[in-house]
Amino acid sequence: MLSEDIVKVIFIELTSRFNTGNQSLMVCAFRFVIQRFAAHLLN
């Protein structure tokens, strides 16, 4: 499935955008994305 590739792309985007910014914001955003994808894949 393409979901794993999408997660990787989003993670790369988040790390590149927030690498010089707020690390906690990146972590929260990444956790939110993972939870959304996990819920989508399990349901």
C-alpha atoms as a PDB file:
ATOM      1  CA  MET A   1       0.000   0.000   0.000  1.00  0.00           C
ATOM      2  CA  LEU A   2       1.003   3.588  -0.586  1.00  0.00           C
ATOM      3  CA  SER A   3       0.137   4.638   2.972  1.00  0.00           C
ATOM      4  CA  GLU A   4       3.625   3.867   4.286  1.00  0.00           C
ATOM      5  CA  ASP A   5       5.238   5.944   1.527  1.00  0.00           C
ATOM      6  CA  ILE A   6       2.838   8.797   2.277  1.00  0.00           C
ATOM      7  CA  VAL A   7       3.769   8.669   5.956  1.00  0.00           C
ATOM      8  CA  LYS A   8       7.458   8.771   5.044  1.00  0.00           C
ATOM      9  CA  VAL A   9       6.935  11.766   2.765  1.00  0.00           C
ATOM     10  CA  ILE A  10       4.941  13.606   5.422  1.00  0.00           C
ATOM     11  CA  PHE A  11       7.578  12.825   8.036  1.00  0.00           C
ATOM     12  CA  ILE A  12      10.337  14.140   5.750  1.00  0.00           C
ATOM     13  CA  GLU A  13       8.308  17.290   5.091  1.00  0.00           C
ATOM     14  CA  LEU A  14       7.719  17.836   8.804  1.00  0.00           C
ATOM     15  CA  THR A  15      11.356  17.282   9.706  1.00  0.00           C
ATOM     16  CA  SER A  16      12.562  19.609   6.952  1.00  0.00           C
ATOM     17  CA  ARG A  17      10.052  22.331   7.830  1.00  0.00           C
ATOM     18  CA  PHE A  18      10.412  22.199  11.608  1.00  0.00           C
ATOM     19  CA  ASN A  19      14.041  21.126  11.821  1.00  0.00           C
ATOM     20  CA  THR A  20      15.094  24.690  12.636  1.00  0.00           C
ATOM     21  CA  GLY A  21      11.824  25.468  14.394  1.00  0.00           C
ATOM     22  CA  ASN A  22       9.883  24.000  17.271  1.00  0.00           C
ATOM     23  CA  GLN A  23      10.852  20.370  17.819  1.00  0.00           C
ATOM     24  CA  SER A  24       7.872  19.713  20.080  1.00  0.00           C
ATOM     25  CA  LEU A  25       5.545  20.962  17.336  1.00  0.00           C
ATOM     26  CA  MET A  26       7.091  18.496  14.880  1.00  0.00           C
ATOM     27  CA  VAL A  27       6.667  15.641  17.352  1.00  0.00           C
ATOM     28  CA  CYS A  28       3.026  16.518  18.004  1.00  0.00           C
ATOM     29  CA  ALA A  29       2.295  16.829  14.290  1.00  0.00           C
ATOM     30  CA  PHE A  30       4.017  13.524  13.519  1.00  0.00           C
ATOM     31  CA  ARG A  31       2.156  11.723  16.300  1.00  0.00           C
ATOM     32  CA  PHE A  32      -1.128  13.166  15.024  1.00  0.00           C
ATOM     33  CA  VAL A  33      -0.377  11.968  11.488  1.00  0.00           C
ATOM     34  CA  ILE A  34       0.566   8.489  12.704  1.00  0.00           C
ATOM     35  CA  GLN A  35      -2.603   8.221  14.786  1.00  0.00           C
ATOM     36  CA  ARG A  36      -4.743   9.301  11.826  1.00  0.00           C
ATOM     37  CA  PHE A  37      -3.106   6.792   9.471  1.00  0.00           C
ATOM     38  CA  ALA A  38      -3.264   3.999  12.070  1.00  0.00           C
ATOM     39  CA  ALA A  39      -6.966   4.608  12.641  1.00  0.00           C
ATOM     40  CA  HIS A  40      -7.575   4.733   8.886  1.00  0.00           C
ATOM     41  CA  LEU A  41      -5.693   1.480   8.235  1.00  0.00           C
ATOM     42  CA  LEU A  42      -7.303  -0.404  11.139  1.00  0.00           C
ATOM     43  CA  ASN A  43     -10.850   0.720  10.261  1.00  0.00           C
END
